[in-house]
Amino acid sequence: MSNSCGPTSPAANQDLVLRFWGVRGSTPVSGPQYVEFGGSTPCLEVRCGQRLFIVDAGSGIYNLGQGHRTDLPREVDLLFSHLHLDHTAGLPFFKPAVLDCDRVINTYCGNLGGESAGPTLDRLFAPPLFPVTLDKLCCTFNHHGFEAGQTLTFPDGTRVDTIALNHPQGSVGYRFEHGGRRLCLISDIEHSDPWPDPTLANFVAGADLMVYDGMFTDGEYPTCRGWGHSTWQKGVELAQVAGVKALAIIHLHPAHSDTALRDMEADLQAEMPTAFIARESQSITVGAPQSVSRRPTVAREVRRRVKVA
């Protein structure tokens, strides 16, 4: 396996690390029923050693910015899966990065036939939908377009593989390889019939971790066919056919509470013990043994405080 996710040296950090800053789909949610898994929409941090990529700019990108107030690189590479609102609406709130006049944010978009995200973002973040345009922010945006299926090669020699996914208006999956580990991000996607798709199975083959869109239950999916999302069961089928070692489910339905998701995770792990449902703020070293680290629910936190008191 090549180290396509960045130049390496004997002293380089060989870890491939993924952090989930937003795992909810469609719209942010809040309340005591969403404490463990979180309510922010998609934003993922990928680190190949020290090399940073951000994937998607849903509402979770706000907390990413707050978590890296002083240690972001001068140039930030932001890869979009696609440009639906739940993957873009957080961009102006990526603070303090967007308020730093020395910061450059490079966006990459591959679902528009080679067109960059620039024109679409300029329409979205403008009156009457948004009070100011992106050019009012102090940072510099450089927008790059590509065709899904191309390998992205960055100025420092870093390479990231891409694939077109089945989603309304298209979506892009990404494959990162570093330190002998492989990470595949496969969202947003609707499974095909027949399934799994051979091209996709080849793309994710042997991945140490695949992140997959499991928004719907099997019961919900038939009424939402054509909406561009999948189920955890289809994620397991793909993972098993492709020899994927571990599976993370994201793009969680806004109506699925912590209780529902814990029950779903138990069913998921009965089918694939190395699978789990992603939690906001969870950090994963790809290829390392994992234990699910649960954020405390409100009920557990109240009991803890009572016991301490």
Protein backbone atom coordinates (compact mmCIF):
# COMPACT_ATOMS: atom_id res chain seq x y z
CA MET A 1 0.00 0.00 0.00
CA SER A 2 1.44 3.37 -0.97
CA ASN A 3 1.71 6.37 1.35
CA SER A 4 -0.45 8.47 -0.96
CA CYS A 5 -1.66 10.74 1.83
CA GLY A 6 1.53 12.70 2.08
CA PRO A 7 5.31 12.63 2.00
CA THR A 8 6.90 10.49 4.70
CA SER A 9 10.26 10.16 6.39
CA PRO A 10 11.57 7.83 9.11
CA ALA A 11 10.83 10.51 11.70
CA ALA A 12 7.39 11.36 10.35
CA ASN A 13 4.23 10.60 12.30
CA GLN A 14 2.81 7.52 10.59
CA ASP A 15 -0.61 7.61 12.23
CA LEU A 16 -3.70 8.09 10.09
CA VAL A 17 -6.24 9.75 12.39
CA LEU A 18 -9.90 10.57 11.83
CA ARG A 19 -11.97 12.84 14.06
CA PHE A 20 -15.71 13.26 13.74
CA TRP A 21 -16.81 16.86 14.32
CA GLY A 22 -20.30 16.34 12.89
CA VAL A 23 -22.10 13.06 12.16
CA ARG A 24 -25.76 14.06 11.83
CA GLY A 25 -27.49 14.24 8.45
CA SER A 26 -29.84 16.79 6.89
CA THR A 27 -30.24 19.26 9.77
CA PRO A 28 -28.58 19.95 13.11
CA VAL A 29 -30.43 18.79 16.21
CA SER A 30 -30.05 19.48 19.92
CA GLY A 31 -31.54 18.36 23.19
CA PRO A 32 -31.00 15.75 25.90
CA GLN A 33 -31.82 12.91 23.51
CA TYR A 34 -28.81 13.76 21.29
CA VAL A 35 -26.00 14.11 23.84
CA GLU A 36 -24.10 10.89 23.19
CA PHE A 37 -23.96 10.88 19.38
CA GLY A 38 -24.20 14.63 18.83
CA GLY A 39 -26.31 16.88 16.66
CA SER A 40 -23.91 18.68 14.31
CA THR A 41 -23.99 18.06 10.58
CA PRO A 42 -21.07 16.53 8.66
CA CYS A 43 -17.51 17.64 9.19
CA LEU A 44 -14.55 15.27 9.43
CA GLU A 45 -10.91 15.95 10.27
CA VAL A 46 -8.35 13.64 8.64
CA ARG A 47 -4.69 13.76 9.65
CA CYS A 48 -2.02 11.88 7.75
CA GLY A 49 0.68 12.38 10.33
CA GLN A 50 0.58 16.15 10.66
CA ARG A 51 -0.99 16.71 7.23
CA LEU A 52 -4.53 18.03 7.72
CA PHE A 53 -7.59 17.61 5.53
CA ILE A 54 -11.12 18.72 6.38
CA VAL A 55 -13.99 16.92 4.69
CA ASP A 56 -17.26 18.87 4.49
CA ALA A 57 -18.35 22.06 6.20
CA GLY A 58 -21.59 21.23 7.97
CA SER A 59 -22.30 22.80 11.33
CA GLY A 60 -19.60 20.62 12.90
CA ILE A 61 -16.91 22.81 11.35
CA TYR A 62 -17.60 25.46 13.99
CA ASN A 63 -16.38 23.15 16.76
CA LEU A 64 -13.44 22.06 14.62
CA GLY A 65 -12.40 25.70 14.38
CA GLN A 66 -12.79 26.19 18.11
CA GLY A 67 -10.80 23.04 18.80
CA HIS A 68 -7.90 24.25 16.64
CA ARG A 69 -7.86 27.97 17.34
CA THR A 70 -4.06 28.19 17.38
CA ASP A 71 -2.75 25.17 15.48
CA LEU A 72 -4.34 25.23 12.02
CA PRO A 73 -1.90 25.47 9.10
CA ARG A 74 -1.81 28.71 7.14
CA GLU A 75 -3.40 26.91 4.20
CA VAL A 76 -6.34 24.62 4.91
CA ASP A 77 -7.57 22.06 2.37
CA LEU A 78 -11.34 21.54 2.55
CA LEU A 79 -12.72 18.66 0.48
CA PHE A 80 -16.46 18.67 -0.21
CA SER A 81 -18.36 15.44 -0.74
CA HIS A 82 -21.01 17.67 -2.37
CA LEU A 83 -22.67 21.01 -1.76
CA HIS A 84 -26.02 20.28 -0.14
CA LEU A 85 -26.77 22.57 2.80
CA ASP A 86 -25.92 20.10 5.55
CA HIS A 87 -22.38 19.88 4.12
CA THR A 88 -21.78 23.59 3.49
CA ALA A 89 -23.84 25.72 5.89
CA GLY A 90 -21.13 25.91 8.55
CA LEU A 91 -18.47 27.44 6.30
CA PRO A 92 -18.83 31.12 7.37
CA PHE A 93 -18.71 30.00 11.02
CA PHE A 94 -15.35 28.25 10.68
CA LYS A 95 -13.87 30.65 13.21
CA PRO A 96 -11.33 31.95 13.87
CA ALA A 97 -9.95 30.67 10.53
CA VAL A 98 -12.27 32.69 8.28
CA LEU A 99 -11.44 35.87 10.26
CA ASP A 100 -7.68 35.46 9.82
CA CYS A 101 -6.41 37.62 6.96
CA ASP A 102 -3.32 35.40 6.59
CA ARG A 103 -5.38 32.23 6.18
CA VAL A 104 -6.00 30.54 2.83
CA ILE A 105 -8.84 28.03 2.54
CA ASN A 106 -8.61 25.81 -0.54
CA THR A 107 -11.89 24.10 -1.41
CA TYR A 108 -12.14 21.05 -3.65
CA CYS A 109 -15.39 19.98 -5.30
CA GLY A 110 -15.83 16.99 -7.62
CA ASN A 111 -19.56 16.53 -8.17
CA LEU A 112 -20.20 19.43 -10.58
CA GLY A 113 -18.59 18.14 -13.76
CA GLY A 114 -15.28 19.87 -13.07
CA GLU A 115 -16.75 23.17 -11.89
CA SER A 116 -15.50 24.48 -8.55
CA ALA A 117 -17.70 25.20 -5.55
CA GLY A 118 -17.07 28.93 -5.91
CA PRO A 119 -20.16 30.01 -7.90
CA THR A 120 -22.49 27.85 -5.82
CA LEU A 121 -21.10 29.10 -2.50
CA ASP A 122 -21.29 32.68 -3.75
CA ARG A 123 -24.99 32.20 -4.49
CA LEU A 124 -25.65 30.52 -1.17
CA PHE A 125 -23.84 33.00 1.04
CA ALA A 126 -25.37 36.21 -0.29
CA PRO A 127 -28.51 38.28 0.38
CA PRO A 128 -31.33 37.52 0.81
CA LEU A 129 -30.26 34.06 2.04
CA PHE A 130 -27.24 35.25 4.03
CA PRO A 131 -26.42 38.75 5.28
CA VAL A 132 -22.93 39.05 3.77
CA THR A 133 -20.93 37.47 0.95
CA LEU A 134 -17.87 35.30 1.55
CA ASP A 135 -15.56 37.99 0.18
CA LYS A 136 -16.40 40.05 3.28
CA LEU A 137 -14.54 37.51 5.39
CA CYS A 138 -10.87 38.22 5.96
CA CYS A 139 -9.45 34.90 4.78
CA THR A 140 -8.74 34.03 1.15
CA PHE A 141 -10.80 31.33 -0.56
CA ASN A 142 -9.32 29.43 -3.50
CA HIS A 143 -11.86 27.14 -5.17
CA HIS A 144 -10.79 24.10 -7.20
CA GLY A 145 -12.98 21.81 -9.30
CA PHE A 146 -12.26 18.24 -10.38
CA GLU A 147 -14.07 15.23 -11.80
CA ALA A 148 -14.98 12.51 -9.31
CA GLY A 149 -12.80 9.51 -10.08
CA GLN A 150 -9.64 11.57 -10.47
CA THR A 151 -6.74 11.32 -8.03
CA LEU A 152 -6.13 14.68 -6.36
CA THR A 153 -2.46 15.65 -6.22
CA PHE A 154 -1.60 18.57 -3.95
CA PRO A 155 1.40 20.91 -4.22
CA ASP A 156 3.27 19.06 -1.46
CA GLY A 157 2.93 15.75 -3.33
CA THR A 158 0.04 14.45 -1.24
CA ARG A 159 -2.43 12.29 -3.20
CA VAL A 160 -6.05 11.49 -2.37
CA ASP A 161 -8.14 9.11 -4.49
CA THR A 162 -11.78 9.88 -5.28
CA ILE A 163 -14.87 8.08 -6.59
CA ALA A 164 -18.31 9.22 -7.79
CA LEU A 165 -21.16 8.18 -5.48
CA ASN A 166 -24.85 7.68 -6.19
CA HIS A 167 -26.60 10.75 -4.76
CA PRO A 168 -28.89 13.46 -6.17
CA GLN A 169 -26.62 15.95 -8.01
CA GLY A 170 -23.72 13.60 -7.27
CA SER A 171 -21.34 13.10 -4.38
CA VAL A 172 -17.68 12.17 -3.97
CA GLY A 173 -16.05 9.46 -1.87
CA TYR A 174 -12.44 9.83 -0.73
CA ARG A 175 -9.64 7.35 0.00
CA PHE A 176 -6.68 8.30 2.19
CA GLU A 177 -3.61 6.10 2.60
CA HIS A 178 -0.82 6.77 5.08
CA GLY A 179 1.59 4.72 7.13
CA GLY A 180 0.32 1.49 5.59
CA ARG A 181 -3.28 2.27 6.59
CA ARG A 182 -6.31 2.96 4.40
CA LEU A 183 -9.35 5.13 5.22
CA CYS A 184 -12.38 5.42 2.92
CA LEU A 185 -15.12 8.04 3.34
CA ILE A 186 -18.28 6.92 1.52
CA SER A 187 -21.05 9.47 2.10
CA ASP A 188 -23.48 10.63 0.86
CA ILE A 189 -24.60 7.54 -1.04
CA GLU A 190 -27.67 5.52 -1.92
CA HIS A 191 -27.04 1.83 -2.48
CA SER A 192 -27.72 0.39 -5.93
CA ASP A 193 -29.55 -2.74 -7.01
CA PRO A 194 -27.75 -5.11 -7.31
CA TRP A 195 -25.46 -4.38 -4.38
CA PRO A 196 -22.60 -4.03 -3.65
CA ASP A 197 -21.44 -2.09 -6.68
CA PRO A 198 -18.23 -3.78 -7.97
CA THR A 199 -16.46 -0.48 -8.71
CA LEU A 200 -17.15 0.82 -5.21
CA ALA A 201 -16.16 -2.51 -3.64
CA ASN A 202 -12.83 -2.31 -5.45
CA PHE A 203 -12.32 1.29 -4.27
CA VAL A 204 -12.78 0.41 -0.58
CA ALA A 205 -11.15 -3.04 -0.76
CA GLY A 206 -9.00 -3.83 2.25
CA ALA A 207 -9.71 -0.54 4.01
CA ASP A 208 -8.77 -0.44 7.68
CA LEU A 209 -11.81 1.80 8.21
CA MET A 210 -14.73 2.69 5.97
CA VAL A 211 -17.07 5.52 6.96
CA TYR A 212 -20.50 4.91 5.45
CA ASP A 213 -23.86 6.71 5.12
CA GLY A 214 -26.37 4.79 7.25
CA MET A 215 -29.08 7.41 7.62
CA PHE A 216 -32.13 5.15 7.30
CA THR A 217 -33.30 1.95 8.92
CA ASP A 218 -34.48 -0.85 6.70
CA GLY A 219 -38.02 0.14 7.61
CA GLU A 220 -37.55 3.81 6.76
CA TYR A 221 -35.72 3.34 3.49
CA PRO A 222 -38.59 2.25 1.18
CA THR A 223 -40.49 5.53 1.72
CA CYS A 224 -37.28 7.52 1.15
CA ARG A 225 -36.02 5.72 -1.95
CA GLY A 226 -34.27 8.15 -4.30
CA TRP A 227 -33.30 10.59 -1.54
CA GLY A 228 -29.65 9.58 -1.79
CA HIS A 229 -28.99 7.72 1.45
CA SER A 230 -28.44 4.18 2.64
CA THR A 231 -28.70 1.85 5.64
CA TRP A 232 -26.18 0.31 8.00
CA GLN A 233 -27.09 -3.12 6.64
CA LYS A 234 -25.90 -2.11 3.17
CA GLY A 235 -22.72 -0.75 4.73
CA VAL A 236 -22.06 -4.12 6.34
CA GLU A 237 -22.71 -5.92 3.05
CA LEU A 238 -20.22 -3.69 1.24
CA ALA A 239 -17.64 -4.02 4.02
CA GLN A 240 -17.85 -7.81 4.07
CA VAL A 241 -17.59 -8.21 0.31
CA ALA A 242 -14.65 -5.78 0.11
CA GLY A 243 -12.71 -7.11 3.10
CA VAL A 244 -13.05 -3.87 5.06
CA LYS A 245 -11.71 -4.30 8.59
CA ALA A 246 -13.85 -1.75 10.47
CA LEU A 247 -16.98 0.26 9.67
CA ALA A 248 -18.25 3.58 11.02
CA ILE A 249 -21.82 4.72 10.32
CA ILE A 250 -22.47 8.45 9.85
CA HIS A 251 -25.08 10.84 8.41
CA LEU A 252 -27.36 9.90 11.28
CA HIS A 253 -31.08 10.61 10.91
CA PRO A 254 -32.11 13.72 12.88
CA ALA A 255 -35.02 11.78 14.41
CA HIS A 256 -32.81 8.99 15.77
CA SER A 257 -32.20 9.55 19.48
CA ASP A 258 -29.29 8.27 21.55
CA THR A 259 -31.47 5.39 22.74
CA ALA A 260 -32.44 4.41 19.21
CA LEU A 261 -28.85 4.64 17.99
CA ARG A 262 -27.51 2.52 20.86
CA ASP A 263 -30.05 -0.17 20.00
CA MET A 264 -29.10 0.14 16.33
CA GLU A 265 -25.41 -0.15 17.20
CA ALA A 266 -26.05 -3.38 19.11
CA ASP A 267 -27.73 -4.85 16.03
CA LEU A 268 -24.90 -3.55 13.84
CA GLN A 269 -22.21 -5.14 16.00
CA ALA A 270 -24.07 -8.45 16.04
CA GLU A 271 -23.50 -8.51 12.27
CA MET A 272 -20.00 -6.96 12.28
CA PRO A 273 -18.27 -6.71 15.68
CA THR A 274 -15.74 -4.11 14.46
CA ALA A 275 -18.49 -1.73 13.32
CA PHE A 276 -19.83 1.22 15.29
CA ILE A 277 -21.99 4.31 14.96
CA ALA A 278 -19.85 7.45 14.92
CA ARG A 279 -20.07 9.94 17.74
CA GLU A 280 -19.40 13.65 17.53
CA SER A 281 -15.89 14.52 18.84
CA GLN A 282 -14.78 10.86 18.61
CA SER A 283 -11.20 10.39 17.44
CA ILE A 284 -10.02 7.21 15.70
CA THR A 285 -6.48 6.10 14.96
CA VAL A 286 -7.12 4.11 11.80
CA GLY A 287 -5.97 0.52 12.08
CA ALA A 288 -5.56 0.58 15.86
CA PRO A 289 -7.82 -1.50 18.14
CA GLN A 290 -10.93 0.54 18.91
CA SER A 291 -13.21 0.83 21.89
CA VAL A 292 -16.32 2.94 21.59
CA SER A 293 -15.95 6.01 23.80
CA ARG A 294 -19.40 7.19 24.73
CA ARG A 295 -20.13 10.81 25.52
CA PRO A 296 -22.02 10.90 28.84
CA THR A 297 -25.77 11.07 28.51
CA VAL A 298 -27.63 13.66 30.53
CA ALA A 299 -29.08 10.95 32.78
CA ARG A 300 -25.67 9.44 33.53
CA GLU A 301 -24.17 12.85 34.19
CA VAL A 302 -26.97 13.75 36.62
CA ARG A 303 -26.45 10.45 38.48
CA ARG A 304 -22.71 11.11 38.67
CA ARG A 305 -23.24 14.57 40.15
CA VAL A 306 -25.74 13.24 42.71
CA LYS A 307 -23.28 10.55 43.77
CA VAL A 308 -20.44 13.07 44.13
CA ALA A 309 -22.68 15.42 46.11
